[in-house]
Amino acid sequence: MAVGLVYNHIYLNHETGTHVENPDRLLAIMEYINTHGLKDRLVHVEPKRVGLGELEGFHTRKYISRVEEVGFSGGGWLDQDTVISVDSYETALYAVGGVLEGVDKVLSGELESAFVMCRPPGHHALPEASMGFCIFNNVALGALHALNKHRLKRVAVVDFDVHHGNGIQHVCLNDPRVTYISTHQIHHFPFTGDSCEDGPFQNILNIPLPAGCGDSHYQKVFDQLICPYLRKLSPELILVCAGYDAHFADDMGEMCLSQQGFAGITRALKKTADEVCGGKMVFSLEGGYHYLGLAESVGASLAVLLDEALPPPNTKAPEETADTPDISGLILELRGIFGIS
């Protein structure tokens, strides 16, 4: 089955100056996948532009109007971390629309899976506020779109960004049809995502990991916790908040994932999706701020989705030592809490 790449140059129009979340992130990825021949193997998909009605599926009209007004007045800061320019509102509409288009193509059977190469990112955005570089919550709106337009009964969101996606978690507080599963660095921005935050419907699985976790730690988490939980849940679609800032070279976190580690995560998710929902997955780009680490890691995910060999890495992961964390107890505890035998 075909793998789609949802992308348009409009995603470069969200100009942020010297901000760490800037258009060079996408330029680095696109250059990398072009150089290594991955782009030619992907089906190009154009994102659509969403309207006010679609945004109001999650965001308040007052907040949407504020984003539009600040952008059209020349741009500025929505919060202490999130800056926008005159074209950012329009770009953000296409970021949401990219995820919705990916969902539509996958659920129609035109694609088995899709990767939405969009910005601005979205998993921190709340109904009434921007947060953490995020304007509108692309994946939250994608999940609700799958449920309400396509009449799905169960959607899972898996988030491997180094930061907890508090905006996605917010959806689960009111909608038992959405399950949120997050790996993130403990005691790190936005300082949410404790393992006890399971929601009123027990549809939230937070896995806060200690700093220093690398490929083997994440592989254990996915093999022993996340994928068994997904098999138990049997969602009809898996949405992925694909954040690559857990890369060892990324200074936005203190994790040690490598290109091989991100490939392992994607491989585990792909195998599980094949088992539970016919391979139906939509990835949406979130974090990742070390350009080469980001490009290599996205390339690894795309190669796995395409069943292609990984391009050779240009970055070398640090070796694990005796000082690396032991997360066996955490995994065992969470397996008990969520009834994974």
C-alpha atoms as a PDB file:
ATOM      1  CA  MET A   1       0.000   0.000   0.000  1.00  0.00           C
ATOM      2  CA  ALA A   2       1.056   3.573  -0.675  1.00  0.00           C
ATOM      3  CA  VAL A   3       2.517   5.964   1.894  1.00  0.00           C
ATOM      4  CA  GLY A   4       1.574   9.617   1.531  1.00  0.00           C
ATOM      5  CA  LEU A   5       3.590  12.759   2.207  1.00  0.00           C
ATOM      6  CA  VAL A   6       1.323  15.691   2.978  1.00  0.00           C
ATOM      7  CA  TYR A   7       3.287  18.844   2.252  1.00  0.00           C
ATOM      8  CA  ASN A   8       3.082  22.269   0.661  1.00  0.00           C
ATOM      9  CA  HIS A   9       5.549  25.153   0.629  1.00  0.00           C
ATOM     10  CA  ILE A  10       2.926  27.213   2.468  1.00  0.00           C
ATOM     11  CA  TYR A  11       4.265  25.586   5.638  1.00  0.00           C
ATOM     12  CA  LEU A  12       7.371  27.740   5.187  1.00  0.00           C
ATOM     13  CA  ASN A  13       5.295  30.933   5.380  1.00  0.00           C
ATOM     14  CA  HIS A  14       4.979  30.768   9.171  1.00  0.00           C
ATOM     15  CA  GLU A  15       7.947  33.097   9.633  1.00  0.00           C
ATOM     16  CA  THR A  16       9.352  33.157  13.152  1.00  0.00           C
ATOM     17  CA  GLY A  17      12.692  34.928  12.730  1.00  0.00           C
ATOM     18  CA  THR A  18      15.404  33.501  14.972  1.00  0.00           C
ATOM     19  CA  HIS A  19      12.920  31.369  16.912  1.00  0.00           C
ATOM     20  CA  VAL A  20      13.986  27.721  17.292  1.00  0.00           C
ATOM     21  CA  GLU A  21      10.776  26.607  15.529  1.00  0.00           C
ATOM     22  CA  ASN A  22      11.418  28.041  12.076  1.00  0.00           C
ATOM     23  CA  PRO A  23      11.102  27.130   8.368  1.00  0.00           C
ATOM     24  CA  ASP A  24      14.655  25.721   8.218  1.00  0.00           C
ATOM     25  CA  ARG A  25      13.374  22.638  10.036  1.00  0.00           C
ATOM     26  CA  LEU A  26      11.261  21.622   7.056  1.00  0.00           C
ATOM     27  CA  LEU A  27      13.894  22.652   4.540  1.00  0.00           C
ATOM     28  CA  ALA A  28      16.389  20.313   6.247  1.00  0.00           C
ATOM     29  CA  ILE A  29      13.937  17.410   6.141  1.00  0.00           C
ATOM     30  CA  MET A  30      12.959  17.960   2.520  1.00  0.00           C
ATOM     31  CA  GLU A  31      16.597  18.227   1.408  1.00  0.00           C
ATOM     32  CA  TYR A  32      17.399  14.999   3.249  1.00  0.00           C
ATOM     33  CA  ILE A  33      14.542  12.930   1.847  1.00  0.00           C
ATOM     34  CA  ASN A  34      15.264  14.266  -1.631  1.00  0.00           C
ATOM     35  CA  THR A  35      18.961  13.418  -1.368  1.00  0.00           C
ATOM     36  CA  HIS A  36      18.236   9.873  -0.192  1.00  0.00           C
ATOM     37  CA  GLY A  37      15.493   9.176  -2.725  1.00  0.00           C
ATOM     38  CA  LEU A  38      12.697   8.814  -0.175  1.00  0.00           C
ATOM     39  CA  LYS A  39      10.509  11.587  -1.550  1.00  0.00           C
ATOM     40  CA  ASP A  40      10.163   9.876  -4.932  1.00  0.00           C
ATOM     41  CA  ARG A  41       8.721   6.766  -3.259  1.00  0.00           C
ATOM     42  CA  LEU A  42       6.024   8.723  -1.434  1.00  0.00           C
ATOM     43  CA  VAL A  43       2.634   9.768  -2.811  1.00  0.00           C
ATOM     44  CA  HIS A  44       2.415  13.557  -2.711  1.00  0.00           C
ATOM     45  CA  VAL A  45      -0.739  14.855  -1.035  1.00  0.00           C
ATOM     46  CA  GLU A  46      -1.769  18.511  -0.980  1.00  0.00           C
ATOM     47  CA  PRO A  47      -3.122  19.787   2.336  1.00  0.00           C
ATOM     48  CA  LYS A  48      -6.475  21.489   2.362  1.00  0.00           C
ATOM     49  CA  ARG A  49      -7.404  24.724   4.093  1.00  0.00           C
ATOM     50  CA  VAL A  50      -9.809  24.303   6.986  1.00  0.00           C
ATOM     51  CA  GLY A  51     -12.556  26.729   7.851  1.00  0.00           C
ATOM     52  CA  LEU A  52     -13.838  28.247  11.061  1.00  0.00           C
ATOM     53  CA  GLY A  53     -16.379  25.478  11.623  1.00  0.00           C
ATOM     54  CA  GLU A  54     -13.698  22.809  11.586  1.00  0.00           C
ATOM     55  CA  LEU A  55     -11.445  24.743  13.990  1.00  0.00           C
ATOM     56  CA  GLU A  56     -14.360  25.182  16.379  1.00  0.00           C
ATOM     57  CA  GLY A  57     -14.439  21.425  16.777  1.00  0.00           C
ATOM     58  CA  PHE A  58     -11.746  22.015  19.414  1.00  0.00           C
ATOM     59  CA  HIS A  59     -10.904  25.738  19.687  1.00  0.00           C
ATOM     60  CA  THR A  60     -13.059  28.599  20.941  1.00  0.00           C
ATOM     61  CA  ARG A  61     -14.123  31.264  18.464  1.00  0.00           C
ATOM     62  CA  LYS A  62     -12.629  33.948  20.728  1.00  0.00           C
ATOM     63  CA  TYR A  63      -9.191  32.333  20.558  1.00  0.00           C
ATOM     64  CA  ILE A  64      -9.371  31.747  16.794  1.00  0.00           C
ATOM     65  CA  SER A  65     -10.276  35.411  16.288  1.00  0.00           C
ATOM     66  CA  ARG A  66      -7.339  36.502  18.431  1.00  0.00           C
ATOM     67  CA  VAL A  67      -4.861  34.484  16.350  1.00  0.00           C
ATOM     68  CA  GLU A  68      -6.325  35.948  13.166  1.00  0.00           C
ATOM     69  CA  GLU A  69      -6.209  39.507  14.494  1.00  0.00           C
ATOM     70  CA  VAL A  70      -2.630  39.319  15.778  1.00  0.00           C
ATOM     71  CA  GLY A  71      -1.445  37.824  12.503  1.00  0.00           C
ATOM     72  CA  PHE A  72      -3.261  40.255  10.236  1.00  0.00           C
ATOM     73  CA  SER A  73      -1.997  43.194  12.294  1.00  0.00           C
ATOM     74  CA  GLY A  74       1.580  42.210  11.437  1.00  0.00           C
ATOM     75  CA  GLY A  75       2.269  39.424  13.896  1.00  0.00           C
ATOM     76  CA  GLY A  76       3.518  39.198  17.445  1.00  0.00           C
ATOM     77  CA  TRP A  77       3.670  36.945  20.473  1.00  0.00           C
ATOM     78  CA  LEU A  78       0.607  34.879  21.346  1.00  0.00           C
ATOM     79  CA  ASP A  79       2.324  33.721  24.536  1.00  0.00           C
ATOM     80  CA  GLN A  80       5.859  33.785  25.928  1.00  0.00           C
ATOM     81  CA  ASP A  81       6.951  30.938  23.591  1.00  0.00           C
ATOM     82  CA  THR A  82       4.769  31.279  20.498  1.00  0.00           C
ATOM     83  CA  VAL A  83       5.348  33.980  17.910  1.00  0.00           C
ATOM     84  CA  ILE A  84       3.412  34.490  14.673  1.00  0.00           C
ATOM     85  CA  SER A  85       3.818  36.559  11.531  1.00  0.00           C
ATOM     86  CA  VAL A  86       1.351  37.988   9.049  1.00  0.00           C
ATOM     87  CA  ASP A  87       1.001  34.650   7.213  1.00  0.00           C
ATOM     88  CA  SER A  88       0.941  32.379  10.244  1.00  0.00           C
ATOM     89  CA  TYR A  89      -2.845  32.194  10.610  1.00  0.00           C
ATOM     90  CA  GLU A  90      -3.245  30.995   7.037  1.00  0.00           C
ATOM     91  CA  THR A  91      -0.355  28.551   7.407  1.00  0.00           C
ATOM     92  CA  ALA A  92      -1.896  27.138  10.576  1.00  0.00           C
ATOM     93  CA  LEU A  93      -5.165  26.512   8.732  1.00  0.00           C
ATOM     94  CA  TYR A  94      -3.250  24.373   6.250  1.00  0.00           C
ATOM     95  CA  ALA A  95      -1.396  22.580   9.060  1.00  0.00           C
ATOM     96  CA  VAL A  96      -4.717  21.423  10.497  1.00  0.00           C
ATOM     97  CA  GLY A  97      -5.966  20.737   6.987  1.00  0.00           C
ATOM     98  CA  GLY A  98      -2.919  18.609   6.247  1.00  0.00           C
ATOM     99  CA  VAL A  99      -3.767  16.256   9.099  1.00  0.00           C
ATOM    100  CA  LEU A 100      -7.436  16.129   8.096  1.00  0.00           C
ATOM    101  CA  GLU A 101      -6.476  15.350   4.500  1.00  0.00           C
ATOM    102  CA  GLY A 102      -4.112  12.626   5.684  1.00  0.00           C
ATOM    103  CA  VAL A 103      -6.915  11.113   7.765  1.00  0.00           C
ATOM    104  CA  ASP A 104      -9.316  11.257   4.809  1.00  0.00           C
ATOM    105  CA  LYS A 105      -6.852   9.585   2.419  1.00  0.00           C
ATOM    106  CA  VAL A 106      -5.978   6.824   4.867  1.00  0.00           C
ATOM    107  CA  LEU A 107      -9.553   6.074   5.912  1.00  0.00           C
ATOM    108  CA  SER A 108     -10.739   6.065   2.290  1.00  0.00           C
ATOM    109  CA  GLY A 109      -8.151   3.386   1.499  1.00  0.00           C
ATOM    110  CA  GLU A 110      -6.202   5.554  -0.963  1.00  0.00           C
ATOM    111  CA  LEU A 111      -3.194   5.363   1.349  1.00  0.00           C
ATOM    112  CA  GLU A 112      -2.178   2.892   4.008  1.00  0.00           C
ATOM    113  CA  SER A 113      -0.393   5.580   6.020  1.00  0.00           C
ATOM    114  CA  ALA A 114       0.574   9.222   5.717  1.00  0.00           C
ATOM    115  CA  PHE A 115       3.174  11.589   7.124  1.00  0.00           C
ATOM    116  CA  VAL A 116       2.066  15.215   7.460  1.00  0.00           C
ATOM    117  CA  MET A 117       5.157  17.419   7.144  1.00  0.00           C
ATOM    118  CA  CYS A 118       3.533  20.497   8.604  1.00  0.00           C
ATOM    119  CA  ARG A 119       4.234  23.417  10.842  1.00  0.00           C
ATOM    120  CA  PRO A 120       3.338  25.112  13.112  1.00  0.00           C
ATOM    121  CA  PRO A 121       3.179  22.093  15.433  1.00  0.00           C
ATOM    122  CA  GLY A 122       0.097  21.552  17.556  1.00  0.00           C
ATOM    123  CA  HIS A 123       0.096  19.128  20.468  1.00  0.00           C
ATOM    124  CA  HIS A 124       0.341  21.790  23.210  1.00  0.00           C
ATOM    125  CA  ALA A 125      -2.423  24.025  21.854  1.00  0.00           C
ATOM    126  CA  LEU A 126      -5.451  24.267  24.147  1.00  0.00           C
ATOM    127  CA  PRO A 127      -9.023  25.164  23.176  1.00  0.00           C
ATOM    128  CA  GLU A 128      -8.563  28.750  24.310  1.00  0.00           C
ATOM    129  CA  ALA A 129      -4.804  29.324  24.096  1.00  0.00           C
ATOM    130  CA  SER A 130      -1.577  28.807  22.201  1.00  0.00           C
ATOM    131  CA  MET A 131       1.326  27.149  23.982  1.00  0.00           C
ATOM    132  CA  GLY A 132       4.817  25.829  23.314  1.00  0.00           C
ATOM    133  CA  PHE A 133       5.137  26.994  19.672  1.00  0.00           C
ATOM    134  CA  CYS A 134       1.669  25.515  18.886  1.00  0.00           C
ATOM    135  CA  ILE A 135      -1.200  27.553  17.447  1.00  0.00           C
ATOM    136  CA  PHE A 136      -3.993  25.113  16.554  1.00  0.00           C
ATOM    137  CA  ASN A 137      -4.063  21.510  17.707  1.00  0.00           C
ATOM    138  CA  ASN A 138      -3.582  19.657  14.430  1.00  0.00           C
ATOM    139  CA  VAL A 139      -3.776  16.109  15.802  1.00  0.00           C
ATOM    140  CA  ALA A 140      -6.618  16.776  18.247  1.00  0.00           C
ATOM    141  CA  LEU A 141      -8.670  18.118  15.362  1.00  0.00           C
ATOM    142  CA  GLY A 142      -7.594  15.165  13.218  1.00  0.00           C
ATOM    143  CA  ALA A 143      -8.803  12.717  15.853  1.00  0.00           C
ATOM    144  CA  LEU A 144     -12.164  14.464  16.203  1.00  0.00           C
ATOM    145  CA  HIS A 145     -12.484  14.594  12.405  1.00  0.00           C
ATOM    146  CA  ALA A 146     -11.948  10.830  12.187  1.00  0.00           C
ATOM    147  CA  LEU A 147     -14.569  10.213  14.851  1.00  0.00           C
ATOM    148  CA  ASN A 148     -17.218  12.686  13.751  1.00  0.00           C
ATOM    149  CA  LYS A 149     -16.910  12.671   9.960  1.00  0.00           C
ATOM    150  CA  HIS A 150     -15.862   9.069   9.430  1.00  0.00           C
ATOM    151  CA  ARG A 151     -17.920   7.686  12.324  1.00  0.00           C
ATOM    152  CA  LEU A 152     -15.056   5.786  13.906  1.00  0.00           C
ATOM    153  CA  LYS A 153     -15.616   4.501  17.407  1.00  0.00           C
ATOM    154  CA  ARG A 154     -12.030   4.404  18.721  1.00  0.00           C
ATOM    155  CA  VAL A 155      -8.982   6.466  17.797  1.00  0.00           C
ATOM    156  CA  ALA A 156      -5.589   6.272  19.500  1.00  0.00           C
ATOM    157  CA  VAL A 157      -3.013   9.054  19.570  1.00  0.00           C
ATOM    158  CA  VAL A 158       0.586   8.035  20.273  1.00  0.00           C
ATOM    159  CA  ASP A 159       2.972  10.894  21.102  1.00  0.00           C
ATOM    160  CA  PHE A 160       6.752  10.347  21.269  1.00  0.00           C
ATOM    161  CA  ASP A 161       7.751  14.021  21.442  1.00  0.00           C
ATOM    162  CA  VAL A 162      10.093  14.760  24.363  1.00  0.00           C
ATOM    163  CA  HIS A 163       7.388  17.096  25.707  1.00  0.00           C
ATOM    164  CA  HIS A 164       3.990  15.968  26.967  1.00  0.00           C
ATOM    165  CA  GLY A 165       1.117  16.865  24.629  1.00  0.00           C
ATOM    166  CA  ASN A 166      -1.174  18.480  27.174  1.00  0.00           C
ATOM    167  CA  GLY A 167      -3.473  19.775  24.429  1.00  0.00           C
ATOM    168  CA  ILE A 168      -4.139  16.271  23.108  1.00  0.00           C
ATOM    169  CA  GLN A 169      -4.718  15.023  26.646  1.00  0.00           C
ATOM    170  CA  HIS A 170      -7.360  17.728  27.040  1.00  0.00           C
ATOM    171  CA  VAL A 171      -9.504  16.027  24.364  1.00  0.00           C
ATOM    172  CA  CYS A 172      -9.532  12.792  26.353  1.00  0.00           C
ATOM    173  CA  LEU A 173     -10.951  14.502  29.424  1.00  0.00           C
ATOM    174  CA  ASN A 174     -14.277  14.941  27.583  1.00  0.00           C
ATOM    175  CA  ASP A 175     -14.279  12.235  24.915  1.00  0.00           C
ATOM    176  CA  PRO A 176     -13.841   8.546  25.789  1.00  0.00           C
ATOM    177  CA  ARG A 177     -13.488   7.678  22.098  1.00  0.00           C
ATOM    178  CA  VAL A 178      -9.950   9.126  22.030  1.00  0.00           C
ATOM    179  CA  THR A 179      -7.070   7.387  23.817  1.00  0.00           C
ATOM    180  CA  TYR A 180      -3.836   9.305  24.358  1.00  0.00           C
ATOM    181  CA  ILE A 181      -0.512   7.533  24.939  1.00  0.00           C
ATOM    182  CA  SER A 182       2.552   9.676  25.573  1.00  0.00           C
ATOM    183  CA  THR A 183       6.240   9.083  26.213  1.00  0.00           C
ATOM    184  CA  HIS A 184       7.939  12.256  27.440  1.00  0.00           C
ATOM    185  CA  GLN A 185      10.705  13.471  29.697  1.00  0.00           C
ATOM    186  CA  ILE A 186       9.600  13.704  33.303  1.00  0.00           C
ATOM    187  CA  HIS A 187       9.538  17.125  35.056  1.00  0.00           C
ATOM    188  CA  HIS A 188       9.892  18.864  31.697  1.00  0.00           C
ATOM    189  CA  PHE A 189       7.790  21.446  29.840  1.00  0.00           C
ATOM    190  CA  PRO A 190       4.791  21.740  30.062  1.00  0.00           C
ATOM    191  CA  PHE A 191       5.111  19.984  33.456  1.00  0.00           C
ATOM    192  CA  THR A 192       2.063  17.788  32.911  1.00  0.00           C
ATOM    193  CA  GLY A 193       1.793  14.098  32.054  1.00  0.00           C
ATOM    194  CA  ASP A 194       2.246  12.341  35.371  1.00  0.00           C
ATOM    195  CA  SER A 195       1.452   8.627  35.209  1.00  0.00           C
ATOM    196  CA  CYS A 196      -1.493   9.160  37.573  1.00  0.00           C
ATOM    197  CA  GLU A 197      -3.211  11.431  35.024  1.00  0.00           C
ATOM    198  CA  ASP A 198      -5.396   8.775  33.432  1.00  0.00           C
ATOM    199  CA  GLY A 199      -8.525  10.866  32.899  1.00  0.00           C
ATOM    200  CA  PRO A 200     -12.155  10.311  33.921  1.00  0.00           C
ATOM    201  CA  PHE A 201     -12.515   7.545  31.317  1.00  0.00           C
ATOM    202  CA  GLN A 202      -9.104   5.932  31.964  1.00  0.00           C
ATOM    203  CA  ASN A 203      -8.201   6.697  28.347  1.00  0.00           C
ATOM    204  CA  ILE A 204      -4.845   8.368  29.031  1.00  0.00           C
ATOM    205  CA  LEU A 205      -1.576   6.458  29.344  1.00  0.00           C
ATOM    206  CA  ASN A 206       1.254   8.773  30.360  1.00  0.00           C
ATOM    207  CA  ILE A 207       4.771   7.340  30.456  1.00  0.00           C
ATOM    208  CA  PRO A 208       7.089   9.963  31.990  1.00  0.00           C
ATOM    209  CA  LEU A 209      10.674   8.840  31.436  1.00  0.00           C
ATOM    210  CA  PRO A 210      13.818   9.954  33.260  1.00  0.00           C
ATOM    211  CA  ALA A 211      16.419  11.995  31.402  1.00  0.00           C
ATOM    212  CA  GLY A 212      19.049   9.934  29.628  1.00  0.00           C
ATOM    213  CA  CYS A 213      16.762   7.309  28.111  1.00  0.00           C
ATOM    214  CA  GLY A 214      17.958   6.035  24.747  1.00  0.00           C
ATOM    215  CA  ASP A 215      17.096   3.536  22.051  1.00  0.00           C
ATOM    216  CA  SER A 216      16.859   0.454  24.280  1.00  0.00           C
ATOM    217  CA  HIS A 217      14.619   2.222  26.817  1.00  0.00           C
ATOM    218  CA  TYR A 218      12.168   3.448  24.220  1.00  0.00           C
ATOM    219  CA  GLN A 219      12.109   0.063  22.510  1.00  0.00           C
ATOM    220  CA  LYS A 220      11.191  -1.603  25.802  1.00  0.00           C
ATOM    221  CA  VAL A 221       8.434   0.943  26.397  1.00  0.00           C
ATOM    222  CA  PHE A 222       6.924   0.322  22.972  1.00  0.00           C
ATOM    223  CA  ASP A 223       7.399  -3.458  22.974  1.00  0.00           C
ATOM    224  CA  GLN A 224       6.261  -4.093  26.543  1.00  0.00           C
ATOM    225  CA  LEU A 225       3.726  -1.331  27.161  1.00  0.00           C
ATOM    226  CA  ILE A 226       2.488   0.805  24.283  1.00  0.00           C
ATOM    227  CA  CYS A 227       2.032  -1.828  21.582  1.00  0.00           C
ATOM    228  CA  PRO A 228       0.406  -4.408  23.896  1.00  0.00           C
ATOM    229  CA  TYR A 229      -1.940  -1.654  25.088  1.00  0.00           C
ATOM    230  CA  LEU A 230      -2.814  -0.740  21.490  1.00  0.00           C
ATOM    231  CA  ARG A 231      -3.523  -4.385  20.709  1.00  0.00           C
ATOM    232  CA  LYS A 232      -5.816  -4.536  23.738  1.00  0.00           C
ATOM    233  CA  LEU A 233      -7.541  -1.289  22.725  1.00  0.00           C
ATOM    234  CA  SER A 234      -7.925  -2.146  18.990  1.00  0.00           C
ATOM    235  CA  PRO A 235      -8.301   1.412  17.665  1.00  0.00           C
ATOM    236  CA  GLU A 236      -9.584   1.907  14.125  1.00  0.00           C
ATOM    237  CA  LEU A 237      -6.926   4.547  13.416  1.00  0.00           C
ATOM    238  CA  ILE A 238      -3.612   5.471  15.027  1.00  0.00           C
ATOM    239  CA  LEU A 239      -2.537   9.102  14.923  1.00  0.00           C
ATOM    240  CA  VAL A 240       1.068   9.838  15.823  1.00  0.00           C
ATOM    241  CA  CYS A 241       2.435  13.069  17.265  1.00  0.00           C
ATOM    242  CA  ALA A 242       5.851  12.634  15.685  1.00  0.00           C
ATOM    243  CA  GLY A 243       8.217  14.794  17.694  1.00  0.00           C
ATOM    244  CA  TYR A 244      11.932  14.187  17.189  1.00  0.00           C
ATOM    245  CA  ASP A 245      13.299  16.350  20.011  1.00  0.00           C
ATOM    246  CA  ALA A 246      14.155  13.249  22.053  1.00  0.00           C
ATOM    247  CA  HIS A 247      17.138  12.912  19.679  1.00  0.00           C
ATOM    248  CA  PHE A 248      20.459  12.853  21.538  1.00  0.00           C
ATOM    249  CA  ALA A 249      21.729  15.960  19.696  1.00  0.00           C
ATOM    250  CA  ASP A 250      18.604  18.053  20.386  1.00  0.00           C
ATOM    251  CA  ASP A 251      19.069  20.504  23.242  1.00  0.00           C
ATOM    252  CA  MET A 252      15.322  20.893  23.819  1.00  0.00           C
ATOM    253  CA  GLY A 253      15.435  17.737  25.938  1.00  0.00           C
ATOM    254  CA  GLU A 254      17.843  15.397  27.654  1.00  0.00           C
ATOM    255  CA  MET A 255      17.062  12.128  25.909  1.00  0.00           C
ATOM    256  CA  CYS A 256      19.393   9.955  23.824  1.00  0.00           C
ATOM    257  CA  LEU A 257      17.373   8.548  20.935  1.00  0.00           C
ATOM    258  CA  SER A 258      19.169   8.006  17.625  1.00  0.00           C
ATOM    259  CA  GLN A 259      18.057   7.491  14.044  1.00  0.00           C
ATOM    260  CA  GLN A 260      17.914   3.757  14.799  1.00  0.00           C
ATOM    261  CA  GLY A 261      15.799   4.421  17.868  1.00  0.00           C
ATOM    262  CA  PHE A 262      13.193   6.389  15.924  1.00  0.00           C
ATOM    263  CA  ALA A 263      13.193   3.644  13.297  1.00  0.00           C
ATOM    264  CA  GLY A 264      12.510   1.122  16.069  1.00  0.00           C
ATOM    265  CA  ILE A 265       9.590   3.171  17.386  1.00  0.00           C
ATOM    266  CA  THR A 266       8.093   3.466  13.909  1.00  0.00           C
ATOM    267  CA  ARG A 267       8.648  -0.229  13.193  1.00  0.00           C
ATOM    268  CA  ALA A 268       6.839  -1.212  16.398  1.00  0.00           C
ATOM    269  CA  LEU A 269       3.919   1.097  15.613  1.00  0.00           C
ATOM    270  CA  LYS A 270       3.691  -0.112  12.017  1.00  0.00           C
ATOM    271  CA  LYS A 271       3.622  -3.766  13.037  1.00  0.00           C
ATOM    272  CA  THR A 272       0.925  -3.072  15.632  1.00  0.00           C
ATOM    273  CA  ALA A 273      -1.141  -0.959  13.240  1.00  0.00           C
ATOM    274  CA  ASP A 274      -1.001  -3.779  10.690  1.00  0.00           C
ATOM    275  CA  GLU A 275      -2.442  -6.096  13.351  1.00  0.00           C
ATOM    276  CA  VAL A 276      -5.189  -3.888  14.779  1.00  0.00           C
ATOM    277  CA  CYS A 277      -6.354  -1.427  12.100  1.00  0.00           C
ATOM    278  CA  GLY A 278      -5.102  -2.551   8.711  1.00  0.00           C
ATOM    279  CA  GLY A 279      -1.996  -0.367   8.981  1.00  0.00           C
ATOM    280  CA  LYS A 280      -3.997   2.880   9.149  1.00  0.00           C
ATOM    281  CA  MET A 281      -1.678   5.510  10.630  1.00  0.00           C
ATOM    282  CA  VAL A 282      -1.226   9.244  10.206  1.00  0.00           C
ATOM    283  CA  PHE A 283       1.976  10.851  11.511  1.00  0.00           C
ATOM    284  CA  SER A 284       2.048  14.587  12.116  1.00  0.00           C
ATOM    285  CA  LEU A 285       5.315  16.447  12.694  1.00  0.00           C
ATOM    286  CA  GLU A 286       5.678  18.044  16.110  1.00  0.00           C
ATOM    287  CA  GLY A 287       9.075  18.895  17.657  1.00  0.00           C
ATOM    288  CA  GLY A 288      12.669  18.344  16.585  1.00  0.00           C
ATOM    289  CA  TYR A 289      15.124  21.236  16.464  1.00  0.00           C
ATOM    290  CA  HIS A 290      18.565  19.841  15.640  1.00  0.00           C
ATOM    291  CA  TYR A 291      18.374  19.996  11.866  1.00  0.00           C
ATOM    292  CA  LEU A 292      20.470  16.963  10.984  1.00  0.00           C
ATOM    293  CA  GLY A 293      19.079  14.862  13.824  1.00  0.00           C
ATOM    294  CA  LEU A 294      15.541  15.853  12.814  1.00  0.00           C
ATOM    295  CA  ALA A 295      16.099  15.125   9.129  1.00  0.00           C
ATOM    296  CA  GLU A 296      17.732  11.745   9.762  1.00  0.00           C
ATOM    297  CA  SER A 297      15.037  10.720  12.208  1.00  0.00           C
ATOM    298  CA  VAL A 298      12.113  11.707   9.985  1.00  0.00           C
ATOM    299  CA  GLY A 299      13.927   9.908   7.168  1.00  0.00           C
ATOM    300  CA  ALA A 300      14.125   6.809   9.372  1.00  0.00           C
ATOM    301  CA  SER A 301      10.386   6.894  10.055  1.00  0.00           C
ATOM    302  CA  LEU A 302       9.602   7.319   6.358  1.00  0.00           C
ATOM    303  CA  ALA A 303      11.972   4.508   5.368  1.00  0.00           C
ATOM    304  CA  VAL A 304      10.258   2.138   7.809  1.00  0.00           C
ATOM    305  CA  LEU A 305       6.793   3.102   6.566  1.00  0.00           C
ATOM    306  CA  LEU A 306       8.012   2.439   3.011  1.00  0.00           C
ATOM    307  CA  ASP A 307       9.708  -0.857   3.977  1.00  0.00           C
ATOM    308  CA  GLU A 308      13.006   0.601   2.757  1.00  0.00           C
ATOM    309  CA  ALA A 309      16.507   0.324   4.212  1.00  0.00           C
ATOM    310  CA  LEU A 310      17.537   3.209   6.466  1.00  0.00           C
ATOM    311  CA  PRO A 311      19.875   5.789   4.963  1.00  0.00           C
ATOM    312  CA  PRO A 312      23.275   5.648   6.670  1.00  0.00           C
ATOM    313  CA  PRO A 313      23.449   7.966   9.695  1.00  0.00           C
ATOM    314  CA  ASN A 314      25.715  10.999   9.851  1.00  0.00           C
ATOM    315  CA  THR A 315      25.288  11.333  13.611  1.00  0.00           C
ATOM    316  CA  LYS A 316      26.544   8.766  16.115  1.00  0.00           C
ATOM    317  CA  ALA A 317      24.512   8.108  19.243  1.00  0.00           C
ATOM    318  CA  PRO A 318      26.278   8.013  22.605  1.00  0.00           C
ATOM    319  CA  GLU A 319      26.824   4.530  23.995  1.00  0.00           C
ATOM    320  CA  GLU A 320      24.716   3.437  26.932  1.00  0.00           C
ATOM    321  CA  THR A 321      26.653   3.063  30.179  1.00  0.00           C
ATOM    322  CA  ALA A 322      26.028   1.810  33.678  1.00  0.00           C
ATOM    323  CA  ASP A 323      24.677   5.276  34.514  1.00  0.00           C
ATOM    324  CA  THR A 324      21.750   4.994  32.109  1.00  0.00           C
ATOM    325  CA  PRO A 325      18.325   4.838  33.770  1.00  0.00           C
ATOM    326  CA  ASP A 326      16.561   1.630  34.740  1.00  0.00           C
ATOM    327  CA  ILE A 327      12.888   1.875  33.771  1.00  0.00           C
ATOM    328  CA  SER A 328      11.903  -1.744  34.409  1.00  0.00           C
ATOM    329  CA  GLY A 329       9.965  -0.810  37.538  1.00  0.00           C
ATOM    330  CA  LEU A 330       8.029   1.929  35.750  1.00  0.00           C
ATOM    331  CA  ILE A 331       7.042  -0.419  32.933  1.00  0.00           C
ATOM    332  CA  LEU A 332       5.945  -3.098  35.375  1.00  0.00           C
ATOM    333  CA  GLU A 333       3.909  -0.591  37.376  1.00  0.00           C
ATOM    334  CA  LEU A 334       2.137   0.789  34.301  1.00  0.00           C
ATOM    335  CA  ARG A 335       1.448  -2.670  32.902  1.00  0.00           C
ATOM    336  CA  GLY A 336      -0.360  -3.425  36.152  1.00  0.00           C
ATOM    337  CA  ILE A 337      -2.316  -0.158  36.149  1.00  0.00           C
ATOM    338  CA  PHE A 338      -3.521  -0.641  32.567  1.00  0.00           C
ATOM    339  CA  GLY A 339      -4.146  -4.362  32.808  1.00  0.00           C
ATOM    340  CA  ILE A 340      -1.497  -5.515  30.365  1.00  0.00           C
ATOM    341  CA  SER A 341      -0.613  -9.133  31.056  1.00  0.00           C
END
